[in-house]
Amino acid sequence: ARKLGVNVILCPPVAGTEYDGRYINRNICIRDANKRFDSSLARCGRSGDDRRYQSSINNEDSSSSSSSSSSSKPLMNNDECRIRHYINHQTTLGGKKFAEVDEALEIIRCQYLLHYQTSKIEHCKTKGHSVLKNAIEGIISHLLSSSQDENFNNRTLVDLNTFLKNELEFYGEENYKRIRRKNRDEYPDYTIDHDYYIIGKRKKIKTAAKPTSRLSLLWKKKVEEEEVEEEVLINIFEKWREILLAALQ
C-alpha cells in the first residue's frame, strides 16, 4: 500500500485519554511502541480445513523444521496460505520477505505517532510529551537496528536529546538554552505548557520611519535603522517530529 501511495491510517480507540498526558499511554499504539512487529506470526481469519494449501506451506518450511513440528502447526485458511505463499516467493522484497513487511508496519506506526495531535493534551503536558517521545524513540531503534535503507541512519533518525544537542550547537549554546519549568505537579490545574522548548535571543534590524520636521510630517519621512534583540521560542519537540516525518516519507 505504501509503495502504491495509498495512505494507511491507524485508528486505535482512545476514549478521551488524549486530553491528559498521564493517560495517553492507554492508547495501544503508544503503549506497545517498544514491542517489535513479527508479521510472520500474524493469522488471517479463522483456521480452515483445506489441507492441500496447508501441506504446501509445510513443505516450504521443511528445510528449517522437522516434519513432526510442521504437522503440529495450526491449519490456515485459503487466504492466509495464499498471502504467505506470495510473501515467501516475492522477488521484489530482496529476500527479506516478512522482514520488509515488519519494516513497513513500523513506519506506519511511527508516522501515526509523528502525526499525533499534541495540541489536544490539556493536562500534564510535559508528561504526555515524554510518553510520546519514548514511544517514538522505541520505534526509531527498531528501524535503525533492522532496516537496510540508507535513509535510516544516525544523521536522519535520532532521539530527541541528540536532536536537541545538535540544535543548540547550531544556534549557539551561549545564546540558547532549554526551558526548565518547575514541577508540573505543584500546579493544581496541571495546565502549564510543556518544557520541550529552547529559548534565546537574536539580533534583528528594526526600521522606523520618522518625520524630518513638523512641516513635512505628511509628505516626507526619514527611515532610521536600529539593532535590537528579540526573544525567540522554538518548540523543539514539534521540530524534531517534522524532521523525522520528512525522513519517513
Protein backbone atom coordinates (compact mmCIF):
# COMPACT_ATOMS: atom_id res chain seq x y z
CA ALA A 1 0.00 0.00 0.00
CA ARG A 2 2.83 2.42 0.86
CA LYS A 3 4.63 1.74 -2.45
CA LEU A 4 1.42 2.44 -4.35
CA GLY A 5 0.92 5.71 -2.49
CA VAL A 6 -2.07 4.50 -0.51
CA ASN A 7 -2.43 6.38 2.76
CA VAL A 8 -2.63 3.96 5.69
CA ILE A 9 -4.10 5.39 8.90
CA LEU A 10 -4.16 3.70 12.28
CA CYS A 11 -7.39 4.23 14.21
CA PRO A 12 -6.94 2.90 17.76
CA PRO A 13 -9.66 3.51 20.35
CA VAL A 14 -8.70 6.45 22.57
CA ALA A 15 -11.86 7.08 24.63
CA GLY A 16 -10.86 10.58 25.70
CA THR A 17 -7.42 9.63 27.04
CA GLU A 18 -5.69 12.04 24.64
CA TYR A 19 -6.59 15.04 26.83
CA ASP A 20 -4.46 14.06 29.84
CA GLY A 21 -0.74 13.39 29.49
CA ARG A 22 -0.84 10.86 32.31
CA TYR A 23 -3.17 8.56 30.39
CA ILE A 24 -2.18 8.78 26.72
CA ASN A 25 -0.23 5.53 27.10
CA ARG A 26 -3.62 3.79 27.29
CA ASN A 27 -3.57 4.23 23.53
CA ILE A 28 -2.32 0.83 22.32
CA CYS A 29 -0.20 2.42 19.57
CA ILE A 30 1.71 4.36 22.23
CA ARG A 31 1.71 1.72 24.95
CA ASP A 32 3.11 -1.07 22.75
CA ALA A 33 5.51 1.02 20.67
CA ASN A 34 8.55 -0.70 22.19
CA LYS A 35 7.31 -4.11 21.07
CA ARG A 36 8.65 -5.23 17.72
CA PHE A 37 6.39 -6.44 14.94
CA ASP A 38 6.65 -10.04 13.79
CA SER A 39 4.26 -10.31 10.88
CA SER A 40 5.17 -13.97 10.33
CA LEU A 41 3.11 -14.76 13.43
CA ALA A 42 0.00 -12.98 12.14
CA ARG A 43 -3.10 -15.04 11.37
CA CYS A 44 -5.73 -14.37 8.74
CA GLY A 45 -9.34 -15.03 9.67
CA ARG A 46 -10.50 -18.31 11.12
CA SER A 47 -8.48 -21.50 10.78
CA GLY A 48 -9.51 -23.61 7.81
CA ASP A 49 -9.55 -27.27 6.88
CA ASP A 50 -8.01 -27.08 3.41
CA ARG A 51 -5.07 -29.44 3.95
CA ARG A 52 -3.88 -29.06 0.36
CA TYR A 53 -2.75 -25.49 0.98
CA GLN A 54 -1.56 -26.35 4.47
CA SER A 55 0.61 -29.17 3.17
CA SER A 56 2.23 -26.86 0.63
CA ILE A 57 3.14 -24.44 3.39
CA ASN A 58 4.56 -27.26 5.46
CA ASN A 59 6.70 -28.37 2.53
CA GLU A 60 8.12 -24.86 2.15
CA ASP A 61 9.09 -24.82 5.81
CA SER A 62 10.53 -28.36 5.85
CA SER A 63 14.07 -27.08 5.31
CA SER A 64 14.01 -25.25 8.62
CA SER A 65 11.87 -27.59 10.70
CA SER A 66 11.11 -31.27 11.03
CA SER A 67 8.02 -32.88 9.56
CA SER A 68 6.69 -33.63 13.01
CA SER A 69 6.83 -30.00 14.07
CA SER A 70 5.28 -28.89 10.77
CA SER A 71 2.31 -31.20 11.17
CA SER A 72 1.62 -29.71 14.58
CA LYS A 73 1.15 -26.22 13.18
CA PRO A 74 -2.40 -24.85 13.25
CA LEU A 75 -4.30 -25.10 10.00
CA MET A 76 -4.53 -21.98 7.86
CA ASN A 77 -7.43 -20.90 5.71
CA ASN A 78 -7.01 -20.38 1.98
CA ASP A 79 -6.47 -16.62 2.23
CA GLU A 80 -3.64 -16.95 4.72
CA CYS A 81 -1.96 -19.68 2.70
CA ARG A 82 -2.01 -17.54 -0.43
CA ILE A 83 -0.70 -14.47 1.45
CA ARG A 84 2.19 -16.43 2.96
CA HIS A 85 2.97 -18.07 -0.37
CA TYR A 86 3.08 -14.65 -2.08
CA ILE A 87 5.38 -13.10 0.55
CA ASN A 88 7.73 -16.09 0.63
CA HIS A 89 8.08 -16.05 -3.17
CA GLN A 90 8.09 -12.30 -3.75
CA THR A 91 11.35 -11.41 -5.54
CA THR A 92 10.84 -7.65 -5.17
CA LEU A 93 11.38 -7.92 -1.42
CA GLY A 94 15.08 -8.59 -1.93
CA GLY A 95 14.98 -11.79 0.08
CA LYS A 96 13.74 -10.02 3.20
CA LYS A 97 10.22 -11.44 2.94
CA PHE A 98 8.39 -10.83 6.22
CA ALA A 99 11.17 -8.51 7.42
CA GLU A 100 10.11 -5.92 4.86
CA VAL A 101 6.51 -6.26 5.97
CA ASP A 102 7.65 -5.63 9.54
CA GLU A 103 9.57 -2.54 8.43
CA ALA A 104 6.55 -1.14 6.59
CA LEU A 105 4.41 -1.67 9.69
CA GLU A 106 6.97 0.07 11.90
CA ILE A 107 6.99 3.08 9.56
CA ILE A 108 3.20 3.29 9.53
CA ARG A 109 3.11 3.09 13.31
CA CYS A 110 5.83 5.74 13.66
CA GLN A 111 4.01 8.07 11.27
CA TYR A 112 0.92 7.75 13.42
CA LEU A 113 2.91 8.95 16.46
CA LEU A 114 4.55 11.75 14.47
CA HIS A 115 1.08 12.99 13.43
CA TYR A 116 -0.35 12.59 16.93
CA GLN A 117 -2.12 15.83 17.87
CA THR A 118 -0.26 17.04 20.93
CA SER A 119 -2.43 20.15 20.93
CA LYS A 120 -5.20 18.00 22.40
CA ILE A 121 -3.17 17.36 25.57
CA GLU A 122 -4.66 19.82 28.03
CA HIS A 123 -3.29 18.50 31.33
CA CYS A 124 0.18 17.25 32.36
CA LYS A 125 1.59 18.29 29.00
CA THR A 126 5.23 17.54 29.72
CA LYS A 127 4.28 14.06 30.94
CA GLY A 128 2.30 13.41 27.76
CA HIS A 129 5.11 14.68 25.53
CA SER A 130 7.61 12.49 27.39
CA VAL A 131 5.47 9.38 26.94
CA LEU A 132 5.09 10.14 23.25
CA LYS A 133 8.84 10.79 22.93
CA ASN A 134 9.69 7.42 24.43
CA ALA A 135 7.26 5.67 22.08
CA ILE A 136 8.73 7.35 19.00
CA GLU A 137 12.29 6.60 20.09
CA GLY A 138 11.36 2.95 20.63
CA ILE A 139 10.23 2.60 17.02
CA ILE A 140 13.28 4.51 15.76
CA SER A 141 15.53 1.99 17.49
CA HIS A 142 13.68 -0.84 15.70
CA LEU A 143 14.18 0.78 12.30
CA LEU A 144 17.84 1.58 12.86
CA SER A 145 18.67 -1.93 14.02
CA SER A 146 16.80 -3.85 11.31
CA SER A 147 16.49 -1.70 8.19
CA GLN A 148 18.94 -1.69 5.30
CA ASP A 149 17.55 1.58 3.96
CA GLU A 150 20.34 4.13 3.68
CA ASN A 151 17.93 6.88 4.75
CA PHE A 152 17.62 5.28 8.17
CA ASN A 153 20.91 6.38 9.65
CA ASN A 154 22.01 8.25 12.73
CA ARG A 155 22.04 11.58 10.88
CA THR A 156 18.37 11.33 9.96
CA LEU A 157 16.61 9.30 12.65
CA VAL A 158 17.88 10.49 16.01
CA ASP A 159 16.47 10.59 19.51
CA LEU A 160 15.25 13.88 20.93
CA ASN A 161 18.25 14.50 23.18
CA THR A 162 20.63 14.15 20.24
CA PHE A 163 18.46 16.44 18.13
CA LEU A 164 18.33 18.98 20.96
CA LYS A 165 22.12 18.91 21.29
CA ASN A 166 22.54 19.45 17.56
CA GLU A 167 20.09 22.35 17.58
CA LEU A 168 21.83 24.08 20.50
CA GLU A 169 25.16 23.73 18.69
CA PHE A 170 23.60 25.18 15.54
CA TYR A 171 22.03 28.19 17.25
CA GLY A 172 24.86 28.67 19.74
CA GLU A 173 24.65 27.37 23.29
CA GLU A 174 25.74 30.76 24.65
CA ASN A 175 22.55 32.32 23.26
CA TYR A 176 20.02 29.49 23.52
CA LYS A 177 19.03 27.09 26.28
CA ARG A 178 16.25 24.66 27.03
CA ILE A 179 13.40 25.83 29.23
CA ARG A 180 13.23 24.13 32.60
CA ARG A 181 9.99 24.79 34.40
CA LYS A 182 9.03 23.84 37.92
CA ASN A 183 7.40 20.53 38.68
CA ARG A 184 4.01 20.49 36.94
CA ASP A 185 2.52 18.51 39.84
CA GLU A 186 2.80 21.62 42.02
CA TYR A 187 0.08 23.29 39.98
CA PRO A 188 -3.49 22.33 40.86
CA ASP A 189 -4.86 22.67 37.31
CA TYR A 190 -1.97 20.90 35.55
CA THR A 191 -2.42 23.17 32.55
CA ILE A 192 1.07 24.69 32.36
CA ASP A 193 2.73 24.22 28.99
CA HIS A 194 5.37 21.54 28.36
CA ASP A 195 9.07 22.34 28.57
CA TYR A 196 10.26 20.92 25.26
CA TYR A 197 11.32 24.36 24.08
CA ILE A 198 14.57 26.18 23.61
CA ILE A 199 14.64 29.90 24.23
CA GLY A 200 17.17 32.50 23.24
CA LYS A 201 17.77 35.95 21.86
CA ARG A 202 18.77 37.05 18.39
CA LYS A 203 19.60 40.39 16.94
CA LYS A 204 17.49 41.99 14.24
CA ILE A 205 17.36 45.29 12.45
CA LYS A 206 14.33 47.35 13.35
CA THR A 207 13.34 50.09 10.97
CA ALA A 208 11.23 53.08 11.87
CA ALA A 209 10.02 55.95 9.72
CA LYS A 210 10.30 59.28 11.46
CA PRO A 211 9.31 62.72 10.11
CA THR A 212 12.19 65.07 9.31
CA SER A 213 10.27 68.07 10.61
CA ARG A 214 6.83 69.08 11.71
CA LEU A 215 6.23 70.89 8.45
CA SER A 216 6.99 67.79 6.40
CA LEU A 217 5.06 65.37 8.59
CA LEU A 218 2.64 64.30 5.88
CA TRP A 219 4.91 64.09 2.87
CA LYS A 220 8.46 63.22 3.83
CA LYS A 221 9.84 60.76 6.33
CA LYS A 222 13.31 59.60 7.22
CA VAL A 223 13.87 55.86 7.73
CA GLU A 224 16.07 55.01 10.68
CA GLU A 225 17.53 51.58 11.45
CA GLU A 226 18.21 50.28 14.92
CA GLU A 227 19.70 46.96 16.04
CA VAL A 228 17.59 45.33 18.75
CA GLU A 229 17.33 41.93 20.42
CA GLU A 230 14.19 39.82 20.30
CA GLU A 231 13.31 36.71 22.28
CA VAL A 232 12.92 33.52 20.28
CA LEU A 233 10.97 30.47 21.45
CA ILE A 234 11.39 27.26 19.44
CA ASN A 235 9.20 24.20 20.00
CA ILE A 236 11.97 21.63 19.77
CA PHE A 237 9.57 18.70 20.14
CA GLU A 238 7.49 19.59 17.08
CA LYS A 239 10.57 20.47 15.05
CA TRP A 240 12.04 17.05 15.88
CA ARG A 241 8.82 15.32 14.78
CA GLU A 242 8.79 17.27 11.50
CA ILE A 243 12.35 16.16 10.72
CA LEU A 244 11.52 12.51 11.44
CA LEU A 245 8.32 12.66 9.41
CA ALA A 246 10.21 14.03 6.39
CA ALA A 247 12.73 11.20 6.70
CA LEU A 248 9.98 8.55 6.62
CA GLN A 249 8.09 9.87 3.60
